[in-house]
Amino acid sequence: MTTATAPQARRVLGALGTGAPVYVLLAVLLAALALTDPGFYEPDRFLAFVKRAAPLVILAAGQYLVIVCGEFDLSVGAIVTAGVVVAAELYGSFPAAPWLLVTAVLLAAGALTGLLNGLITTVLRVPSFITTLGMMLILEGAVFFWTGGSPHGALPTAFRQLGRGTAFGWLPWAVPACLAAGAAAVYLMRSDFGRTLVATGDSERAAVLAGVRVARARTIAFILSGAAAALAAVLVGGFSGVSAQAGRGYEFEAITAVVLGGVVLGGGRGSVVAAMAGAFSLQALFTLLNLQGVSGALESTVQGLIVIAAVGLGAADWSRLRRRRTHPSGGEPS
């Protein structure tokens, strides 16, 4: 690299921030998909890939809001499942219900679940890992009890349009829904509230001393995460149909995507765009493994390796390693 191009490269990396590795990874995976399957970038097939990735991208954006302020949300997968089942049960009882009304009910229910998670975590001081794990078990148990393990009812075509239908005859509705959720998350993180979330995750004590209402900020993050999960439920119900396992595993995929995007567990650092890029990367990786004939049963193994590797690399003291290379004798600079 010449001396002229080095500053330009540094500026590009600086603009990409901590998400630079995941953007490179996503580019590599998309290139690998093109080499493995030359027809992958045909418009219909590529848009189908984006449609499949959209629920995870939305979940990753919501999960990012919680993680960046120092918490976790393990209930999002159960919210997806409950949303799909509740929608089917509602249509079973009220077949003529407008799809927009049912969607609004699901979003309100998701936000309410997030509110409960936030209040239990911030008011009762129950660690969010335990709070949301408990909420996940409560929702999964409630769904199983309500349906007996076999949901009844069906989702009408009007409701399923957001997940499987197209706008203008070619653009899946899931794509603008994903873009709208991403734009809202980016706008939110550039606002004062977004900076408050990052400050809270970076140092709760410093945020409190600066006058930040930490409990309020974290509770709102949980509410938004619950609403994002409910929106993902609408998409999943649209293209997958009714199932008591509709959202199973999504909570761990969302956390994996956020970690893959360079967001630090414990909060205080990371980009919501990088978290969403992590979701696309994860979906691209699973697609590539499927094209290579690798068993889908290994997806959990791959996720575990990604989480361990990403967290380990993020926690590594690279400055210390650089000092060791600079001073191989082990002595500290004077």
Foldseek 3Di string as FASTA:
>chain_A
DDPVCVVVVVVVDVVCDLQVVLVVLLVVLVVLVCVLPVCCVDQQNVLVLCLVLLLLLLLLLLQLLQQQLFAGALQLLLLLQLLQLVQQVVCVVVVPDQLVVSLVVSLVVLLVLLLQLLCCCQVVVDGSVVSNVVNNVVSLVVSCVVPVQHRDGWHDLNLLQCQPNADPRRRRNSVVVSVVSLVVSQVCLPDPLVVLSLVNLVPVVVSVVVVRPSSVSNSVSSSSSSSSSSVSSSNQCNPPNRGSSSSPPSSLLSVLLQLSSSAARSHNDGDSVSSSSSSSSLSSVLVSCVSVVHDPVCSVVVSVVSNVVSNVVSPDPVVVVVQCVVPVVPDHDD
